[in-house]
Amino acid sequence: MKNNKKLRVRVWRGKHCSSPTVKCYWCPKVLKFTETTLDHVHEKCFGGRNNYENLVLACKPCNDTRSNLIMIIVNVWKNKVNYAD
């Protein structure tokens, strides 16, 4: 999903009122609006939707880390790779 500025504004205003800063949804880092990224709580690859209720503001490191972990899980599931060996 593109990091849509209008949607970020809507999530910011709706969930954080008019505060000049917000905490990352996943960690305690305090962010300015320009530092936020949109993240899905329930990932799209697992049936999550691009709706307001499923979107949160997160810092880029948390968003990237979650994306990488989700892709590993999806690839393991698709390929049925057994990493226990």
Protein backbone atom coordinates (compact mmCIF):
# COMPACT_ATOMS: atom_id res chain seq x y z
CA MET A 1 0.00 0.00 0.00
CA LYS A 2 1.30 3.44 -0.85
CA ASN A 3 1.77 5.63 2.17
CA ASN A 4 -1.21 7.83 1.34
CA LYS A 5 -0.86 11.22 3.07
CA LYS A 6 -4.62 11.89 3.12
CA LEU A 7 -5.28 8.57 4.79
CA ARG A 8 -2.48 9.18 7.32
CA VAL A 9 -4.08 12.55 8.14
CA ARG A 10 -7.45 10.86 8.66
CA VAL A 11 -5.98 8.19 10.94
CA TRP A 12 -3.97 10.82 12.85
CA ARG A 13 -6.96 13.12 13.41
CA GLY A 14 -9.39 10.33 14.14
CA LYS A 15 -7.27 8.38 16.57
CA HIS A 16 -5.03 11.05 18.05
CA CYS A 17 -7.12 14.23 17.93
CA SER A 18 -5.03 17.33 17.39
CA SER A 19 -1.91 16.25 19.26
CA PRO A 20 1.33 17.41 17.60
CA THR A 21 2.94 14.04 18.32
CA VAL A 22 1.88 10.42 18.63
CA LYS A 23 3.41 7.20 19.92
CA CYS A 24 4.19 4.46 17.45
CA TYR A 25 1.49 1.79 17.75
CA TRP A 26 4.12 -0.94 18.25
CA CYS A 27 6.82 0.76 20.35
CA PRO A 28 7.04 3.77 22.70
CA LYS A 29 8.80 6.03 20.18
CA VAL A 30 7.18 9.49 19.93
CA LEU A 31 6.67 10.60 16.33
CA LYS A 32 5.81 13.74 14.41
CA PHE A 33 3.32 13.38 11.57
CA THR A 34 6.07 13.39 8.93
CA GLU A 35 7.77 10.45 10.66
CA THR A 36 4.72 8.18 10.62
CA THR A 37 3.86 5.33 8.29
CA LEU A 38 0.56 3.51 7.96
CA ASP A 39 0.55 -0.08 9.13
CA HIS A 40 -2.09 -2.78 9.07
CA VAL A 41 -2.90 -4.36 12.43
CA HIS A 42 -4.33 -7.40 10.65
CA GLU A 43 -2.08 -7.86 7.62
CA LYS A 44 -3.61 -7.81 4.15
CA CYS A 45 -1.96 -11.12 3.25
CA PHE A 46 -3.94 -12.69 6.11
CA GLY A 47 -7.25 -11.11 5.12
CA GLY A 48 -6.86 -7.67 6.67
CA ARG A 49 -8.46 -4.73 4.92
CA ASN A 50 -7.41 -1.22 3.97
CA ASN A 51 -10.03 0.32 6.20
CA TYR A 52 -9.70 2.93 8.91
CA GLU A 53 -10.23 0.48 11.76
CA ASN A 54 -7.36 -1.75 10.59
CA LEU A 55 -4.80 1.05 10.08
CA VAL A 56 -2.46 2.48 12.70
CA LEU A 57 0.42 4.92 12.71
CA ALA A 58 3.84 3.36 13.24
CA CYS A 59 7.48 4.33 12.98
CA LYS A 60 9.29 3.11 9.87
CA PRO A 61 11.58 0.64 11.71
CA CYS A 62 8.59 -1.11 13.32
CA ASN A 63 6.64 -1.16 10.07
CA ASP A 64 9.63 -2.56 8.15
CA THR A 65 10.37 -5.19 10.81
CA ARG A 66 6.77 -6.39 10.84
CA SER A 67 6.68 -6.48 7.03
CA ASN A 68 9.85 -8.58 6.90
CA LEU A 69 8.59 -11.00 9.55
CA ILE A 70 5.22 -11.35 7.81
CA MET A 71 6.93 -12.12 4.48
CA ILE A 72 9.06 -14.82 6.14
CA ILE A 73 5.94 -16.38 7.64
CA VAL A 74 4.09 -16.25 4.32
CA ASN A 75 7.02 -17.74 2.40
CA VAL A 76 7.47 -20.54 4.91
CA TRP A 77 3.76 -21.31 4.78
CA LYS A 78 3.63 -21.21 0.96
CA ASN A 79 6.76 -23.32 0.52
CA LYS A 80 6.14 -25.48 3.57
CA VAL A 81 9.79 -25.16 4.42
CA ASN A 82 10.83 -26.93 7.59
CA TYR A 83 13.48 -24.84 9.30
CA ALA A 84 13.68 -27.22 12.26
CA ASP A 85 16.04 -29.58 10.40
